[in-house]
Amino acid sequence: MNDTFWDTVCGMLPWFRLLIVIDTVVLFLVGFSLLHVEPDSGAFIAALMTLTIVLITLVVFGLISRQCAARDEVPLD
């Protein structure tokens, strides 16, 4: 991808860090709510779907953070 795209994405990295904190809080809340929900209810399925979305989001934010860190380490010629 081009440098303008990554400059924009890496410029938004502080916002991604805030979203990582929010996602982690949601992850724990949903995880604890799974303990108190009937396994055959719709709320259980919704909690599992939310858990999946949060985990995927955390992975994507982690990959973006690693890419931005790798860009900062490479010297530009």
PDB file of N, CA and C in Angstrom:
ATOM      1  N   MET A   1       0.842  -1.175   0.000  1.00  0.00           N
ATOM      2  CA  MET A   1       0.000   0.000   0.000  1.00  0.00           C
ATOM      3  C   MET A   1       0.886   1.237   0.000  1.00  0.00           C
ATOM      4  N   ASN A   2       0.293   2.329  -0.387  1.00  0.00           N
ATOM      5  CA  ASN A   2       1.110   3.534  -0.524  1.00  0.00           C
ATOM      6  C   ASN A   2       1.392   4.196   0.823  1.00  0.00           C
ATOM      7  N   ASP A   3       2.368   5.082   0.801  1.00  0.00           N
ATOM      8  CA  ASP A   3       2.810   5.732   2.043  1.00  0.00           C
ATOM      9  C   ASP A   3       1.765   6.679   2.614  1.00  0.00           C
ATOM     10  N   THR A   4       0.968   7.292   1.750  1.00  0.00           N
ATOM     11  CA  THR A   4      -0.055   8.216   2.244  1.00  0.00           C
ATOM     12  C   THR A   4      -1.073   7.485   3.107  1.00  0.00           C
ATOM     13  N   PHE A   5      -1.455   6.290   2.673  1.00  0.00           N
ATOM     14  CA  PHE A   5      -2.406   5.490   3.442  1.00  0.00           C
ATOM     15  C   PHE A   5      -1.848   5.179   4.824  1.00  0.00           C
ATOM     16  N   TRP A   6      -0.597   4.682   4.874  1.00  0.00           N
ATOM     17  CA  TRP A   6      -0.021   4.301   6.162  1.00  0.00           C
ATOM     18  C   TRP A   6       0.296   5.511   7.024  1.00  0.00           C
ATOM     19  N   ASP A   7       0.621   6.651   6.394  1.00  0.00           N
ATOM     20  CA  ASP A   7       0.806   7.872   7.182  1.00  0.00           C
ATOM     21  C   ASP A   7      -0.496   8.259   7.872  1.00  0.00           C
ATOM     22  N   THR A   8      -1.607   8.119   7.156  1.00  0.00           N
ATOM     23  CA  THR A   8      -2.916   8.438   7.734  1.00  0.00           C
ATOM     24  C   THR A   8      -3.274   7.463   8.845  1.00  0.00           C
ATOM     25  N   VAL A   9      -3.098   6.167   8.582  1.00  0.00           N
ATOM     26  CA  VAL A   9      -3.453   5.146   9.575  1.00  0.00           C
ATOM     27  C   VAL A   9      -2.573   5.278  10.815  1.00  0.00           C
ATOM     28  N   CYS A  10      -1.284   5.441  10.627  1.00  0.00           N
ATOM     29  CA  CYS A  10      -0.383   5.551  11.777  1.00  0.00           C
ATOM     30  C   CYS A  10      -0.592   6.865  12.528  1.00  0.00           C
ATOM     31  N   GLY A  11      -1.101   7.884  11.845  1.00  0.00           N
ATOM     32  CA  GLY A  11      -1.437   9.125  12.525  1.00  0.00           C
ATOM     33  C   GLY A  11      -2.626   8.969  13.461  1.00  0.00           C
ATOM     34  N   MET A  12      -3.472   7.981  13.180  1.00  0.00           N
ATOM     35  CA  MET A  12      -4.638   7.719  14.033  1.00  0.00           C
ATOM     36  C   MET A  12      -4.341   6.687  15.115  1.00  0.00           C
ATOM     37  N   LEU A  13      -3.086   6.308  15.283  1.00  0.00           N
ATOM     38  CA  LEU A  13      -2.718   5.268  16.245  1.00  0.00           C
ATOM     39  C   LEU A  13      -3.122   5.582  17.685  1.00  0.00           C
ATOM     40  N   PRO A  14      -3.043   6.824  18.163  1.00  0.00           N
ATOM     41  CA  PRO A  14      -3.536   7.081  19.530  1.00  0.00           C
ATOM     42  C   PRO A  14      -5.019   6.742  19.700  1.00  0.00           C
ATOM     43  N   TRP A  15      -5.815   6.954  18.662  1.00  0.00           N
ATOM     44  CA  TRP A  15      -7.231   6.581  18.732  1.00  0.00           C
ATOM     45  C   TRP A  15      -7.381   5.072  18.765  1.00  0.00           C
ATOM     46  N   PHE A  16      -6.536   4.367  18.017  1.00  0.00           N
ATOM     47  CA  PHE A  16      -6.593   2.908  18.035  1.00  0.00           C
ATOM     48  C   PHE A  16      -6.253   2.377  19.424  1.00  0.00           C
ATOM     49  N   ARG A  17      -5.309   3.017  20.101  1.00  0.00           N
ATOM     50  CA  ARG A  17      -4.951   2.573  21.454  1.00  0.00           C
ATOM     51  C   ARG A  17      -6.115   2.762  22.413  1.00  0.00           C
ATOM     52  N   LEU A  18      -6.844   3.861  22.263  1.00  0.00           N
ATOM     53  CA  LEU A  18      -8.040   4.076  23.073  1.00  0.00           C
ATOM     54  C   LEU A  18      -9.088   3.006  22.773  1.00  0.00           C
ATOM     55  N   LEU A  19      -9.259   2.677  21.505  1.00  0.00           N
ATOM     56  CA  LEU A  19     -10.225   1.642  21.132  1.00  0.00           C
ATOM     57  C   LEU A  19      -9.793   0.264  21.632  1.00  0.00           C
ATOM     58  N   ILE A  20      -8.495   0.016  21.714  1.00  0.00           N
ATOM     59  CA  ILE A  20      -8.008  -1.249  22.265  1.00  0.00           C
ATOM     60  C   ILE A  20      -8.401  -1.365  23.729  1.00  0.00           C
ATOM     61  N   VAL A  21      -8.281  -0.272  24.474  1.00  0.00           N
ATOM     62  CA  VAL A  21      -8.685  -0.287  25.886  1.00  0.00           C
ATOM     63  C   VAL A  21     -10.185  -0.542  26.002  1.00  0.00           C
ATOM     64  N   ILE A  22     -10.972   0.146  25.184  1.00  0.00           N
ATOM     65  CA  ILE A  22     -12.427  -0.052  25.217  1.00  0.00           C
ATOM     66  C   ILE A  22     -12.779  -1.485  24.832  1.00  0.00           C
ATOM     67  N   ASP A  23     -12.131  -2.017  23.794  1.00  0.00           N
ATOM     68  CA  ASP A  23     -12.387  -3.402  23.378  1.00  0.00           C
ATOM     69  C   ASP A  23     -12.027  -4.393  24.476  1.00  0.00           C
ATOM     70  N   THR A  24     -10.951  -4.139  25.190  1.00  0.00           N
ATOM     71  CA  THR A  24     -10.554  -5.042  26.269  1.00  0.00           C
ATOM     72  C   THR A  24     -11.586  -5.040  27.389  1.00  0.00           C
ATOM     73  N   VAL A  25     -12.109  -3.866  27.712  1.00  0.00           N
ATOM     74  CA  VAL A  25     -13.158  -3.784  28.734  1.00  0.00           C
ATOM     75  C   VAL A  25     -14.402  -4.541  28.280  1.00  0.00           C
ATOM     76  N   VAL A  26     -14.798  -4.345  27.023  1.00  0.00           N
ATOM     77  CA  VAL A  26     -15.962  -5.064  26.487  1.00  0.00           C
ATOM     78  C   VAL A  26     -15.706  -6.566  26.496  1.00  0.00           C
ATOM     79  N   LEU A  27     -14.484  -6.967  26.173  1.00  0.00           N
ATOM     80  CA  LEU A  27     -14.138  -8.388  26.175  1.00  0.00           C
ATOM     81  C   LEU A  27     -14.355  -9.004  27.552  1.00  0.00           C
ATOM     82  N   PHE A  28     -13.884  -8.339  28.598  1.00  0.00           N
ATOM     83  CA  PHE A  28     -14.068  -8.869  29.948  1.00  0.00           C
ATOM     84  C   PHE A  28     -15.532  -8.861  30.370  1.00  0.00           C
ATOM     85  N   LEU A  29     -16.260  -7.798  30.033  1.00  0.00           N
ATOM     86  CA  LEU A  29     -17.677  -7.734  30.397  1.00  0.00           C
ATOM     87  C   LEU A  29     -18.481  -8.843  29.726  1.00  0.00           C
ATOM     88  N   VAL A  30     -18.232  -9.057  28.447  1.00  0.00           N
ATOM     89  CA  VAL A  30     -18.949 -10.113  27.728  1.00  0.00           C
ATOM     90  C   VAL A  30     -18.516 -11.477  28.243  1.00  0.00           C
ATOM     91  N   GLY A  31     -17.233 -11.634  28.516  1.00  0.00           N
ATOM     92  CA  GLY A  31     -16.757 -12.910  29.048  1.00  0.00           C
ATOM     93  C   GLY A  31     -17.399 -13.264  30.374  1.00  0.00           C
ATOM     94  N   PHE A  32     -17.517 -12.282  31.253  1.00  0.00           N
ATOM     95  CA  PHE A  32     -18.162 -12.545  32.546  1.00  0.00           C
ATOM     96  C   PHE A  32     -19.664 -12.742  32.405  1.00  0.00           C
ATOM     97  N   SER A  33     -20.273 -12.089  31.424  1.00  0.00           N
ATOM     98  CA  SER A  33     -21.718 -12.267  31.243  1.00  0.00           C
ATOM     99  C   SER A  33     -22.042 -13.662  30.718  1.00  0.00           C
ATOM    100  N   LEU A  34     -21.095 -14.284  30.041  1.00  0.00           N
ATOM    101  CA  LEU A  34     -21.332 -15.651  29.555  1.00  0.00           C
ATOM    102  C   LEU A  34     -21.530 -16.632  30.706  1.00  0.00           C
ATOM    103  N   LEU A  35     -20.968 -16.317  31.858  1.00  0.00           N
ATOM    104  CA  LEU A  35     -21.114 -17.200  33.013  1.00  0.00           C
ATOM    105  C   LEU A  35     -22.530 -17.190  33.573  1.00  0.00           C
ATOM    106  N   HIS A  36     -23.286 -16.130  33.295  1.00  0.00           N
ATOM    107  CA  HIS A  36     -24.597 -15.957  33.915  1.00  0.00           C
ATOM    108  C   HIS A  36     -25.750 -16.064  32.924  1.00  0.00           C
ATOM    109  N   VAL A  37     -25.484 -16.519  31.717  1.00  0.00           N
ATOM    110  CA  VAL A  37     -26.515 -16.601  30.685  1.00  0.00           C
ATOM    111  C   VAL A  37     -26.761 -18.070  30.356  1.00  0.00           C
ATOM    112  N   GLU A  38     -28.026 -18.399  30.101  1.00  0.00           N
ATOM    113  CA  GLU A  38     -28.378 -19.771  29.703  1.00  0.00           C
ATOM    114  C   GLU A  38     -27.721 -20.099  28.363  1.00  0.00           C
ATOM    115  N   PRO A  39     -27.076 -21.254  28.249  1.00  0.00           N
ATOM    116  CA  PRO A  39     -26.380 -21.593  27.002  1.00  0.00           C
ATOM    117  C   PRO A  39     -27.293 -21.743  25.784  1.00  0.00           C
ATOM    118  N   ASP A  40     -28.577 -21.985  25.988  1.00  0.00           N
ATOM    119  CA  ASP A  40     -29.464 -22.158  24.837  1.00  0.00           C
ATOM    120  C   ASP A  40     -30.310 -20.916  24.563  1.00  0.00           C
ATOM    121  N   SER A  41     -29.924 -19.774  25.098  1.00  0.00           N
ATOM    122  CA  SER A  41     -30.693 -18.547  24.885  1.00  0.00           C
ATOM    123  C   SER A  41     -30.076 -17.708  23.770  1.00  0.00           C
ATOM    124  N   GLY A  42     -30.859 -16.783  23.274  1.00  0.00           N
ATOM    125  CA  GLY A  42     -30.370 -15.877  22.245  1.00  0.00           C
ATOM    126  C   GLY A  42     -29.310 -14.932  22.768  1.00  0.00           C
ATOM    127  N   ALA A  43     -29.383 -14.607  24.051  1.00  0.00           N
ATOM    128  CA  ALA A  43     -28.379 -13.720  24.650  1.00  0.00           C
ATOM    129  C   ALA A  43     -27.005 -14.384  24.647  1.00  0.00           C
ATOM    130  N   PHE A  44     -26.967 -15.688  24.808  1.00  0.00           N
ATOM    131  CA  PHE A  44     -25.700 -16.414  24.787  1.00  0.00           C
ATOM    132  C   PHE A  44     -25.069 -16.332  23.394  1.00  0.00           C
ATOM    133  N   ILE A  45     -25.893 -16.527  22.361  1.00  0.00           N
ATOM    134  CA  ILE A  45     -25.395 -16.440  20.984  1.00  0.00           C
ATOM    135  C   ILE A  45     -24.915 -15.016  20.690  1.00  0.00           C
ATOM    136  N   ALA A  46     -25.671 -14.015  21.142  1.00  0.00           N
ATOM    137  CA  ALA A  46     -25.267 -12.622  20.931  1.00  0.00           C
ATOM    138  C   ALA A  46     -23.950 -12.324  21.644  1.00  0.00           C
ATOM    139  N   ALA A  47     -23.782 -12.865  22.839  1.00  0.00           N
ATOM    140  CA  ALA A  47     -22.532 -12.655  23.577  1.00  0.00           C
ATOM    141  C   ALA A  47     -21.359 -13.319  22.858  1.00  0.00           C
ATOM    142  N   LEU A  48     -21.577 -14.505  22.318  1.00  0.00           N
ATOM    143  CA  LEU A  48     -20.510 -15.177  21.566  1.00  0.00           C
ATOM    144  C   LEU A  48     -20.148 -14.399  20.305  1.00  0.00           C
ATOM    145  N   MET A  49     -21.152 -13.876  19.620  1.00  0.00           N
ATOM    146  CA  MET A  49     -20.878 -13.082  18.419  1.00  0.00           C
ATOM    147  C   MET A  49     -20.122 -11.805  18.776  1.00  0.00           C
ATOM    148  N   THR A  50     -20.510 -11.156  19.867  1.00  0.00           N
ATOM    149  CA  THR A  50     -19.808  -9.954  20.316  1.00  0.00           C
ATOM    150  C   THR A  50     -18.371 -10.283  20.696  1.00  0.00           C
ATOM    151  N   LEU A  51     -18.180 -11.390  21.373  1.00  0.00           N
ATOM    152  CA  LEU A  51     -16.841 -11.830  21.756  1.00  0.00           C
ATOM    153  C   LEU A  51     -15.975 -12.052  20.519  1.00  0.00           C
ATOM    154  N   THR A  52     -16.534 -12.676  19.503  1.00  0.00           N
ATOM    155  CA  THR A  52     -15.802 -12.924  18.262  1.00  0.00           C
ATOM    156  C   THR A  52     -15.418 -11.617  17.577  1.00  0.00           C
ATOM    157  N   ILE A  53     -16.354 -10.689  17.490  1.00  0.00           N
ATOM    158  CA  ILE A  53     -16.078  -9.404  16.842  1.00  0.00           C
ATOM    159  C   ILE A  53     -14.995  -8.637  17.603  1.00  0.00           C
ATOM    160  N   VAL A  54     -15.067  -8.650  18.924  1.00  0.00           N
ATOM    161  CA  VAL A  54     -14.068  -7.942  19.735  1.00  0.00           C
ATOM    162  C   VAL A  54     -12.690  -8.565  19.550  1.00  0.00           C
ATOM    163  N   LEU A  55     -12.608  -9.877  19.527  1.00  0.00           N
ATOM    164  CA  LEU A  55     -11.310 -10.535  19.337  1.00  0.00           C
ATOM    165  C   LEU A  55     -10.726 -10.224  17.964  1.00  0.00           C
ATOM    166  N   ILE A  56     -11.552 -10.243  16.926  1.00  0.00           N
ATOM    167  CA  ILE A  56     -11.074  -9.910  15.582  1.00  0.00           C
ATOM    168  C   ILE A  56     -10.595  -8.459  15.539  1.00  0.00           C
ATOM    169  N   THR A  57     -11.333  -7.558  16.177  1.00  0.00           N
ATOM    170  CA  THR A  57     -10.942  -6.148  16.217  1.00  0.00           C
ATOM    171  C   THR A  57      -9.608  -5.968  16.934  1.00  0.00           C
ATOM    172  N   LEU A  58      -9.416  -6.666  18.047  1.00  0.00           N
ATOM    173  CA  LEU A  58      -8.143  -6.571  18.768  1.00  0.00           C
ATOM    174  C   LEU A  58      -6.983  -7.079  17.918  1.00  0.00           C
ATOM    175  N   VAL A  59      -7.197  -8.143  17.168  1.00  0.00           N
ATOM    176  CA  VAL A  59      -6.146  -8.668  16.292  1.00  0.00           C
ATOM    177  C   VAL A  59      -5.811  -7.656  15.202  1.00  0.00           C
ATOM    178  N   VAL A  60      -6.827  -7.063  14.590  1.00  0.00           N
ATOM    179  CA  VAL A  60      -6.586  -6.075  13.535  1.00  0.00           C
ATOM    180  C   VAL A  60      -5.847  -4.856  14.088  1.00  0.00           C
ATOM    181  N   PHE A  61      -6.263  -4.353  15.251  1.00  0.00           N
ATOM    182  CA  PHE A  61      -5.569  -3.219  15.850  1.00  0.00           C
ATOM    183  C   PHE A  61      -4.130  -3.582  16.194  1.00  0.00           C
ATOM    184  N   GLY A  62      -3.898  -4.804  16.655  1.00  0.00           N
ATOM    185  CA  GLY A  62      -2.540  -5.250  16.943  1.00  0.00           C
ATOM    186  C   GLY A  62      -1.678  -5.302  15.696  1.00  0.00           C
ATOM    187  N   LEU A  63      -2.253  -5.792  14.601  1.00  0.00           N
ATOM    188  CA  LEU A  63      -1.509  -5.841  13.341  1.00  0.00           C
ATOM    189  C   LEU A  63      -1.195  -4.439  12.827  1.00  0.00           C
ATOM    190  N   ILE A  64      -2.143  -3.522  12.969  1.00  0.00           N
ATOM    191  CA  ILE A  64      -1.895  -2.140  12.553  1.00  0.00           C
ATOM    192  C   ILE A  64      -0.781  -1.528  13.401  1.00  0.00           C
ATOM    193  N   SER A  65      -0.797  -1.765  14.697  1.00  0.00           N
ATOM    194  CA  SER A  65       0.245  -1.228  15.581  1.00  0.00           C
ATOM    195  C   SER A  65       1.615  -1.780  15.211  1.00  0.00           C
ATOM    196  N   ARG A  66       1.673  -3.076  14.914  1.00  0.00           N
ATOM    197  CA  ARG A  66       2.959  -3.672  14.522  1.00  0.00           C
ATOM    198  C   ARG A  66       3.449  -3.108  13.201  1.00  0.00           C
ATOM    199  N   GLN A  67       2.532  -2.901  12.248  1.00  0.00           N
ATOM    200  CA  GLN A  67       2.917  -2.345  10.954  1.00  0.00           C
ATOM    201  C   GLN A  67       3.458  -0.928  11.113  1.00  0.00           C
ATOM    202  N   CYS A  68       2.811  -0.135  11.953  1.00  0.00           N
ATOM    203  CA  CYS A  68       3.277   1.241  12.172  1.00  0.00           C
ATOM    204  C   CYS A  68       4.627   1.249  12.885  1.00  0.00           C
ATOM    205  N   ALA A  69       4.819   0.339  13.826  1.00  0.00           N
ATOM    206  CA  ALA A  69       6.110   0.248  14.513  1.00  0.00           C
ATOM    207  C   ALA A  69       7.205  -0.182  13.544  1.00  0.00           C
ATOM    208  N   ALA A  70       6.888  -1.095  12.641  1.00  0.00           N
ATOM    209  CA  ALA A  70       7.872  -1.547  11.657  1.00  0.00           C
ATOM    210  C   ALA A  70       8.212  -0.420  10.678  1.00  0.00           C
ATOM    211  N   ARG A  71       7.238   0.391  10.322  1.00  0.00           N
ATOM    212  CA  ARG A  71       7.497   1.527   9.429  1.00  0.00           C
ATOM    213  C   ARG A  71       8.414   2.546  10.091  1.00  0.00           C
ATOM    214  N   ASP A  72       8.264   2.740  11.389  1.00  0.00           N
ATOM    215  CA  ASP A  72       9.087   3.722  12.095  1.00  0.00           C
ATOM    216  C   ASP A  72      10.536   3.267  12.224  1.00  0.00           C
ATOM    217  N   GLU A  73      10.773   1.958  12.232  1.00  0.00           N
ATOM    218  CA  GLU A  73      12.132   1.435  12.409  1.00  0.00           C
ATOM    219  C   GLU A  73      12.928   1.423  11.114  1.00  0.00           C
ATOM    220  N   VAL A  74      12.256   1.364   9.966  1.00  0.00           N
ATOM    221  CA  VAL A  74      12.951   1.266   8.685  1.00  0.00           C
ATOM    222  C   VAL A  74      13.409   2.661   8.264  1.00  0.00           C
ATOM    223  N   PRO A  75      14.724   2.836   8.045  1.00  0.00           N
ATOM    224  CA  PRO A  75      15.198   4.154   7.600  1.00  0.00           C
ATOM    225  C   PRO A  75      14.795   4.406   6.145  1.00  0.00           C
ATOM    226  N   LEU A  76      14.377   5.624   5.868  1.00  0.00           N
ATOM    227  CA  LEU A  76      14.004   5.990   4.505  1.00  0.00           C
ATOM    228  C   LEU A  76      15.240   6.451   3.759  1.00  0.00           C
ATOM    229  N   ASP A  77      15.414   5.949   2.547  1.00  0.00           N
ATOM    230  CA  ASP A  77      16.598   6.318   1.742  1.00  0.00           C
ATOM    231  C   ASP A  77      16.373   7.599   0.997  1.00  0.00           C
TER     232      ASP A  77
END
